[in-house]
Amino acid sequence: DRLLARLGEAAADAGVGVVLLFDELQLTARADLAALLHAAQAAEGLPVAFIAAGLPDLPGAVAGAGSYAERLYYDRVDWLSPGDVREAVVVPAEELGPAFDADALELLLTHIASYPYFAQLYAEETWKAAGTPSDQPGTVVTAAHVEAALPSAQRRLDEGLYRIRYDKASEAERGYLAAIAALGDERIPSGDVA
């Protein structure tokens, strides 16, 4: 924590700030979370910011690691609205020159299903299928590009996200996943699975 305080002091002297970014923080061991909280407390008042992302149980995990946790700000990122998905896909593309046609956006919305990670994944794979259109100003990304991207996006989900989560699941959790899968594609509250 003294190292972080020194970093914050040096940043203050230079008139700049420091941002530390953490992803999947819920996977961090309790002792490491406690050390991070202690470091954040030591840097209080200095131009140091901690930004972390994690699953919905993260606030509870952080609270269990130390008392400083109640001073932190938590902002839940939930399902994306269709407008949010459009913005997440269209705005970065427009800044680089290409555009998405309406059919491509509708098809992406269907596959993204409001899930933030899917927005990133499907848009990236579509971008690749369109031949990295930022190198070709004026390109229009079409539904055909989205269709071409679907197999690689599904492969990345199957071999990455789904495989990793399934491999880490206990037998009871695997039974729960099987029960969810048996219910189909409809989004339901987890309490309804029992």
Protein backbone atom coordinates (compact mmCIF):
# COMPACT_ATOMS: atom_id res chain seq x y z
CA ASP A 1 0.00 0.00 0.00
CA ARG A 2 2.94 2.35 0.55
CA LEU A 3 3.96 1.87 -3.08
CA LEU A 4 0.52 2.95 -4.22
CA ALA A 5 0.59 5.96 -1.91
CA ARG A 6 3.96 6.96 -3.37
CA LEU A 7 2.60 6.54 -6.86
CA GLY A 8 -0.36 8.75 -5.94
CA GLU A 9 1.92 11.38 -4.43
CA ALA A 10 4.10 11.42 -7.56
CA ALA A 11 1.00 11.73 -9.73
CA ALA A 12 -0.25 14.65 -7.60
CA ASP A 13 3.13 16.37 -7.90
CA ALA A 14 3.00 15.93 -11.69
CA GLY A 15 -0.59 17.15 -11.88
CA VAL A 16 -1.92 13.88 -13.29
CA GLY A 17 -3.94 10.96 -12.03
CA VAL A 18 -3.54 7.21 -11.94
CA VAL A 19 -6.26 4.73 -12.83
CA LEU A 20 -5.92 1.04 -11.98
CA LEU A 21 -8.28 -1.24 -13.90
CA PHE A 22 -9.26 -4.73 -12.73
CA ASP A 23 -11.45 -7.22 -14.54
CA GLU A 24 -13.09 -10.34 -13.09
CA LEU A 25 -12.28 -9.08 -9.60
CA GLN A 26 -14.67 -11.64 -8.06
CA LEU A 27 -12.02 -14.26 -8.85
CA THR A 28 -9.48 -12.57 -6.59
CA ALA A 29 -8.59 -14.36 -3.35
CA ARG A 30 -10.00 -12.79 -0.20
CA ALA A 31 -6.53 -11.94 1.16
CA ASP A 32 -5.66 -10.18 -2.11
CA LEU A 33 -8.95 -8.26 -2.03
CA ALA A 34 -8.13 -7.21 1.54
CA ALA A 35 -4.70 -5.99 0.41
CA LEU A 36 -6.30 -4.05 -2.45
CA LEU A 37 -8.78 -2.44 -0.07
CA HIS A 38 -5.95 -1.50 2.28
CA ALA A 39 -4.03 0.04 -0.63
CA ALA A 40 -7.11 1.98 -1.74
CA GLN A 41 -7.53 3.33 1.77
CA ALA A 42 -3.86 4.36 1.88
CA ALA A 43 -4.33 6.25 -1.40
CA GLU A 44 -7.43 8.10 -0.24
CA GLY A 45 -7.19 11.79 -1.08
CA LEU A 46 -4.59 11.16 -3.78
CA PRO A 47 -5.34 11.20 -7.53
CA VAL A 48 -5.66 7.43 -7.71
CA ALA A 49 -8.77 5.64 -8.92
CA PHE A 50 -9.61 1.96 -8.82
CA ILE A 51 -12.07 0.69 -11.40
CA ALA A 52 -13.05 -2.93 -11.21
CA ALA A 53 -15.47 -5.15 -13.07
CA GLY A 54 -16.92 -8.40 -11.89
CA LEU A 55 -20.03 -10.49 -11.53
CA PRO A 56 -23.00 -9.37 -9.42
CA ASP A 57 -21.60 -11.06 -6.30
CA LEU A 58 -18.53 -8.78 -6.35
CA PRO A 59 -19.82 -6.25 -3.76
CA GLY A 60 -20.41 -9.07 -1.29
CA ALA A 61 -16.95 -10.54 -1.92
CA VAL A 62 -15.33 -7.15 -1.45
CA ALA A 63 -17.34 -6.48 1.72
CA GLY A 64 -16.20 -9.82 3.10
CA ALA A 65 -12.57 -8.80 2.54
CA GLY A 66 -12.55 -5.61 4.61
CA SER A 67 -14.46 -2.80 6.19
CA TYR A 68 -13.35 -0.14 3.69
CA ALA A 69 -15.66 -1.75 1.12
CA GLU A 70 -18.72 0.18 2.27
CA ARG A 71 -17.09 3.42 1.07
CA LEU A 72 -16.79 2.17 -2.48
CA TYR A 73 -19.24 2.99 -5.26
CA TYR A 74 -20.89 0.12 -7.09
CA ASP A 75 -22.65 0.55 -10.41
CA ARG A 76 -24.43 -2.50 -11.74
CA VAL A 77 -24.21 -3.05 -15.48
CA ASP A 78 -27.16 -5.18 -16.41
CA TRP A 79 -28.71 -6.27 -19.68
CA LEU A 80 -28.21 -3.78 -22.48
CA SER A 81 -31.25 -2.17 -24.07
CA PRO A 82 -31.54 -2.43 -27.86
CA GLY A 83 -30.53 1.24 -28.02
CA ASP A 84 -27.45 0.55 -25.90
CA VAL A 85 -26.46 -2.34 -28.18
CA ARG A 86 -26.89 -0.18 -31.27
CA GLU A 87 -24.76 2.54 -29.70
CA ALA A 88 -22.06 0.07 -28.63
CA VAL A 89 -21.83 -1.30 -32.16
CA VAL A 90 -22.47 1.75 -34.33
CA VAL A 91 -20.64 4.61 -32.60
CA PRO A 92 -17.13 3.06 -32.63
CA ALA A 93 -17.62 1.98 -36.25
CA GLU A 94 -18.76 5.44 -37.32
CA GLU A 95 -15.67 6.96 -35.73
CA LEU A 96 -13.58 4.75 -38.05
CA GLY A 97 -15.65 5.35 -41.18
CA PRO A 98 -17.74 2.21 -41.85
CA ALA A 99 -21.48 1.95 -41.24
CA PHE A 100 -23.82 -0.90 -40.31
CA ASP A 101 -26.95 -1.31 -42.38
CA ALA A 102 -30.30 -1.81 -40.64
CA ASP A 103 -30.51 -5.55 -41.39
CA ALA A 104 -27.04 -6.14 -39.97
CA LEU A 105 -27.96 -4.31 -36.77
CA GLU A 106 -31.21 -6.24 -36.36
CA LEU A 107 -29.42 -9.56 -36.83
CA LEU A 108 -26.73 -8.53 -34.35
CA LEU A 109 -29.41 -7.52 -31.82
CA THR A 110 -30.93 -10.99 -32.11
CA HIS A 111 -27.65 -12.75 -31.38
CA ILE A 112 -26.37 -10.31 -28.77
CA ALA A 113 -29.57 -10.78 -26.76
CA SER A 114 -28.78 -7.73 -24.57
CA TYR A 115 -25.69 -9.40 -23.05
CA PRO A 116 -22.72 -6.96 -22.82
CA TYR A 117 -20.01 -9.52 -23.62
CA PHE A 118 -21.97 -10.75 -26.64
CA ALA A 119 -22.09 -7.18 -28.00
CA GLN A 120 -18.30 -7.10 -27.94
CA LEU A 121 -17.86 -10.62 -29.32
CA TYR A 122 -20.41 -10.55 -32.15
CA ALA A 123 -19.43 -7.04 -33.25
CA GLU A 124 -15.74 -8.03 -33.31
CA GLU A 125 -16.37 -11.17 -35.32
CA THR A 126 -18.64 -9.26 -37.71
CA TRP A 127 -15.94 -6.63 -38.12
CA LYS A 128 -13.46 -9.35 -39.07
CA ALA A 129 -15.94 -10.96 -41.47
CA ALA A 130 -16.35 -7.59 -43.17
CA GLY A 131 -12.60 -7.51 -43.81
CA THR A 132 -11.62 -5.04 -41.08
CA PRO A 133 -13.56 -2.19 -42.69
CA SER A 134 -11.70 0.54 -40.81
CA ASP A 135 -9.04 0.00 -43.48
CA GLN A 136 -11.69 0.56 -46.17
CA PRO A 137 -13.54 3.85 -45.57
CA GLY A 138 -17.11 3.86 -46.79
CA THR A 139 -17.63 0.14 -46.20
CA VAL A 140 -21.15 -0.88 -45.22
CA VAL A 141 -21.35 -3.84 -42.86
CA THR A 142 -24.26 -6.03 -43.95
CA ALA A 143 -26.32 -8.93 -42.64
CA ALA A 144 -24.18 -11.20 -44.83
CA HIS A 145 -21.14 -10.16 -42.79
CA VAL A 146 -23.03 -10.95 -39.58
CA GLU A 147 -24.06 -14.36 -40.94
CA ALA A 148 -20.45 -15.07 -41.91
CA ALA A 149 -19.33 -14.15 -38.39
CA LEU A 150 -21.77 -16.42 -36.54
CA PRO A 151 -19.76 -19.68 -36.71
CA SER A 152 -16.56 -18.06 -35.38
CA ALA A 153 -18.47 -16.21 -32.64
CA GLN A 154 -20.20 -19.44 -31.59
CA ARG A 155 -16.88 -21.30 -31.63
CA ARG A 156 -15.32 -18.64 -29.38
CA LEU A 157 -18.25 -18.94 -26.96
CA ASP A 158 -18.15 -22.74 -26.95
CA GLU A 159 -14.37 -23.05 -26.56
CA GLY A 160 -13.93 -20.06 -24.28
CA LEU A 161 -16.72 -18.72 -22.10
CA TYR A 162 -18.92 -21.82 -21.95
CA ARG A 163 -16.15 -24.43 -21.73
CA ILE A 164 -14.27 -22.57 -19.01
CA ARG A 165 -17.36 -21.98 -16.91
CA TYR A 166 -18.54 -25.55 -17.32
CA ASP A 167 -15.14 -27.01 -16.45
CA LYS A 168 -15.03 -24.92 -13.26
CA ALA A 169 -18.56 -25.88 -12.22
CA SER A 170 -19.19 -28.38 -9.42
CA GLU A 171 -21.43 -31.39 -10.05
CA ALA A 172 -24.35 -29.55 -8.43
CA GLU A 173 -23.71 -26.51 -10.61
CA ARG A 174 -23.56 -28.71 -13.71
CA GLY A 175 -26.95 -30.14 -12.75
CA TYR A 176 -28.29 -26.60 -12.44
CA LEU A 177 -26.86 -25.73 -15.88
CA ALA A 178 -28.52 -28.81 -17.36
CA ALA A 179 -31.85 -27.76 -15.83
CA ILE A 180 -31.48 -24.28 -17.32
CA ALA A 181 -30.57 -25.72 -20.73
CA ALA A 182 -33.66 -27.95 -20.64
CA LEU A 183 -35.85 -24.84 -20.31
CA GLY A 184 -34.73 -23.49 -23.69
CA ASP A 185 -33.65 -20.04 -24.80
CA GLU A 186 -36.15 -17.98 -22.83
CA ARG A 187 -34.64 -15.77 -20.12
CA ILE A 188 -36.04 -16.83 -16.74
CA PRO A 189 -35.29 -15.96 -13.10
CA SER A 190 -32.89 -18.44 -11.51
CA GLY A 191 -35.40 -19.17 -8.76
CA ASP A 192 -37.74 -20.66 -11.37
CA VAL A 193 -35.18 -23.33 -12.25
CA ALA A 194 -35.71 -25.23 -9.01
